[in-house]
Amino acid sequence: MEAIAVNFRRGRHVQYPNQLILQVNGISSKEKAKSLIGKSLSWISPGKEKKEIKGEIKSTHGNNGAVRAKFTRGLPGQVLGTKIKIE
């Protein structure tokens, strides 16, 4: 299963680089997104060194099937718009 990184979790003054809002392919309601809570994620960086950053889906975000994920370390800005693998 795959998801697309939509944005970092943020407020008006603060951005959390280790938390992302993800839109999962095929999920369009909050009820379906609740079944994904607790699943693990991995993002593999582009370039010569393929670094893998792991994370976990923590909660839903909004009513249209988006989820909030927390990663072990901060993610670079190039993660936005890329695919993240859900295991």
C-alpha atoms as a PDB file:
ATOM      1  CA  MET A   1       0.000   0.000   0.000  1.00  0.00           C
ATOM      2  CA  GLU A   2       1.260   3.494  -0.762  1.00  0.00           C
ATOM      3  CA  ALA A   3       0.592   7.006   0.469  1.00  0.00           C
ATOM      4  CA  ILE A   4       1.598  10.451  -0.742  1.00  0.00           C
ATOM      5  CA  ALA A   5       3.157  12.991   1.613  1.00  0.00           C
ATOM      6  CA  VAL A   6       0.920  16.053   1.511  1.00  0.00           C
ATOM      7  CA  ASN A   7       2.510  18.321   4.109  1.00  0.00           C
ATOM      8  CA  PHE A   8       4.329  18.456   7.412  1.00  0.00           C
ATOM      9  CA  ARG A   9       2.251  18.717  10.551  1.00  0.00           C
ATOM     10  CA  ARG A  10       2.358  22.385  11.395  1.00  0.00           C
ATOM     11  CA  GLY A  11       0.800  25.289  13.145  1.00  0.00           C
ATOM     12  CA  ARG A  12       0.957  28.978  12.543  1.00  0.00           C
ATOM     13  CA  HIS A  13       4.489  29.419  13.915  1.00  0.00           C
ATOM     14  CA  VAL A  14       5.898  25.895  14.226  1.00  0.00           C
ATOM     15  CA  GLN A  15       6.532  23.057  11.774  1.00  0.00           C
ATOM     16  CA  TYR A  16       7.204  19.500  12.969  1.00  0.00           C
ATOM     17  CA  PRO A  17       9.690  17.899  10.530  1.00  0.00           C
ATOM     18  CA  ASN A  18       9.258  14.404  11.977  1.00  0.00           C
ATOM     19  CA  GLN A  19       5.463  14.349  11.489  1.00  0.00           C
ATOM     20  CA  LEU A  20       3.678  14.194   8.140  1.00  0.00           C
ATOM     21  CA  ILE A  21       0.136  14.334   6.839  1.00  0.00           C
ATOM     22  CA  LEU A  22      -0.389  11.538   4.315  1.00  0.00           C
ATOM     23  CA  GLN A  23      -3.103  10.871   1.749  1.00  0.00           C
ATOM     24  CA  VAL A  24      -3.479   7.113   1.286  1.00  0.00           C
ATOM     25  CA  ASN A  25      -4.464   5.761  -2.135  1.00  0.00           C
ATOM     26  CA  GLY A  26      -7.954   4.258  -2.066  1.00  0.00           C
ATOM     27  CA  ILE A  27      -8.924   5.687   1.348  1.00  0.00           C
ATOM     28  CA  SER A  28     -11.525   8.451   1.224  1.00  0.00           C
ATOM     29  CA  SER A  29     -13.268   8.378   4.615  1.00  0.00           C
ATOM     30  CA  LYS A  30     -12.319   8.757   8.241  1.00  0.00           C
ATOM     31  CA  GLU A  31     -13.726   5.309   9.110  1.00  0.00           C
ATOM     32  CA  LYS A  32     -11.466   3.554   6.586  1.00  0.00           C
ATOM     33  CA  ALA A  33      -8.453   5.591   7.732  1.00  0.00           C
ATOM     34  CA  LYS A  34      -8.956   4.432  11.347  1.00  0.00           C
ATOM     35  CA  SER A  35      -8.052   0.890  10.262  1.00  0.00           C
ATOM     36  CA  LEU A  36      -4.544   2.093   9.321  1.00  0.00           C
ATOM     37  CA  ILE A  37      -3.601   3.391  12.786  1.00  0.00           C
ATOM     38  CA  GLY A  38      -0.565   1.537  14.132  1.00  0.00           C
ATOM     39  CA  LYS A  39       0.810   0.416  10.750  1.00  0.00           C
ATOM     40  CA  SER A  40       4.480   1.056  10.031  1.00  0.00           C
ATOM     41  CA  LEU A  41       5.849   3.249   7.235  1.00  0.00           C
ATOM     42  CA  SER A  42       9.136   3.642   5.423  1.00  0.00           C
ATOM     43  CA  TRP A  43      10.520   6.349   3.153  1.00  0.00           C
ATOM     44  CA  ILE A  44      13.648   5.714   1.108  1.00  0.00           C
ATOM     45  CA  SER A  45      15.647   8.771   0.157  1.00  0.00           C
ATOM     46  CA  PRO A  46      16.743   9.370  -3.434  1.00  0.00           C
ATOM     47  CA  GLY A  47      20.406   9.630  -4.328  1.00  0.00           C
ATOM     48  CA  LYS A  48      23.478   7.429  -3.982  1.00  0.00           C
ATOM     49  CA  GLU A  49      22.967   6.558  -0.339  1.00  0.00           C
ATOM     50  CA  LYS A  50      19.491   5.022  -0.003  1.00  0.00           C
ATOM     51  CA  LYS A  51      18.663   5.979   3.569  1.00  0.00           C
ATOM     52  CA  GLU A  52      15.464   4.551   4.992  1.00  0.00           C
ATOM     53  CA  ILE A  53      13.477   6.483   7.582  1.00  0.00           C
ATOM     54  CA  LYS A  54      10.811   4.511   9.421  1.00  0.00           C
ATOM     55  CA  GLY A  55       7.626   5.745  11.028  1.00  0.00           C
ATOM     56  CA  GLU A  56       4.170   4.815  12.269  1.00  0.00           C
ATOM     57  CA  ILE A  57       0.634   6.028  11.574  1.00  0.00           C
ATOM     58  CA  LYS A  58      -0.633   7.655  14.765  1.00  0.00           C
ATOM     59  CA  SER A  59      -4.082   9.115  13.993  1.00  0.00           C
ATOM     60  CA  THR A  60      -6.493  10.348  11.361  1.00  0.00           C
ATOM     61  CA  HIS A  61      -6.467  13.910  10.045  1.00  0.00           C
ATOM     62  CA  GLY A  62      -9.722  15.480   8.927  1.00  0.00           C
ATOM     63  CA  ASN A  63     -12.730  13.728   7.424  1.00  0.00           C
ATOM     64  CA  ASN A  64     -11.431  12.790   3.956  1.00  0.00           C
ATOM     65  CA  GLY A  65      -9.158   9.868   4.814  1.00  0.00           C
ATOM     66  CA  ALA A  66      -5.862  11.619   5.509  1.00  0.00           C
ATOM     67  CA  VAL A  67      -3.665  10.239   8.309  1.00  0.00           C
ATOM     68  CA  ARG A  68      -0.966  11.676  10.558  1.00  0.00           C
ATOM     69  CA  ALA A  69       2.330   9.814  10.779  1.00  0.00           C
ATOM     70  CA  LYS A  70       5.286  10.206  13.131  1.00  0.00           C
ATOM     71  CA  PHE A  71       8.780   9.269  11.976  1.00  0.00           C
ATOM     72  CA  THR A  72      11.872   8.376  14.011  1.00  0.00           C
ATOM     73  CA  ARG A  73      13.780  11.415  12.790  1.00  0.00           C
ATOM     74  CA  GLY A  74      13.152  14.579  10.820  1.00  0.00           C
ATOM     75  CA  LEU A  75      12.404  14.347   7.116  1.00  0.00           C
ATOM     76  CA  PRO A  76      13.789  16.664   4.421  1.00  0.00           C
ATOM     77  CA  GLY A  77      11.563  18.962   2.402  1.00  0.00           C
ATOM     78  CA  GLN A  78      12.024  16.797  -0.703  1.00  0.00           C
ATOM     79  CA  VAL A  79       9.720  14.186   0.878  1.00  0.00           C
ATOM     80  CA  LEU A  80       6.646  16.274   0.005  1.00  0.00           C
ATOM     81  CA  GLY A  81       4.790  14.850  -2.977  1.00  0.00           C
ATOM     82  CA  THR A  82       6.679  11.539  -2.924  1.00  0.00           C
ATOM     83  CA  LYS A  83       5.388   8.042  -2.249  1.00  0.00           C
ATOM     84  CA  ILE A  84       5.707   6.420   1.170  1.00  0.00           C
ATOM     85  CA  LYS A  85       5.382   2.668   1.583  1.00  0.00           C
ATOM     86  CA  ILE A  86       2.892   1.350   4.170  1.00  0.00           C
ATOM     87  CA  GLU A  87       3.828  -2.087   5.507  1.00  0.00           C
END
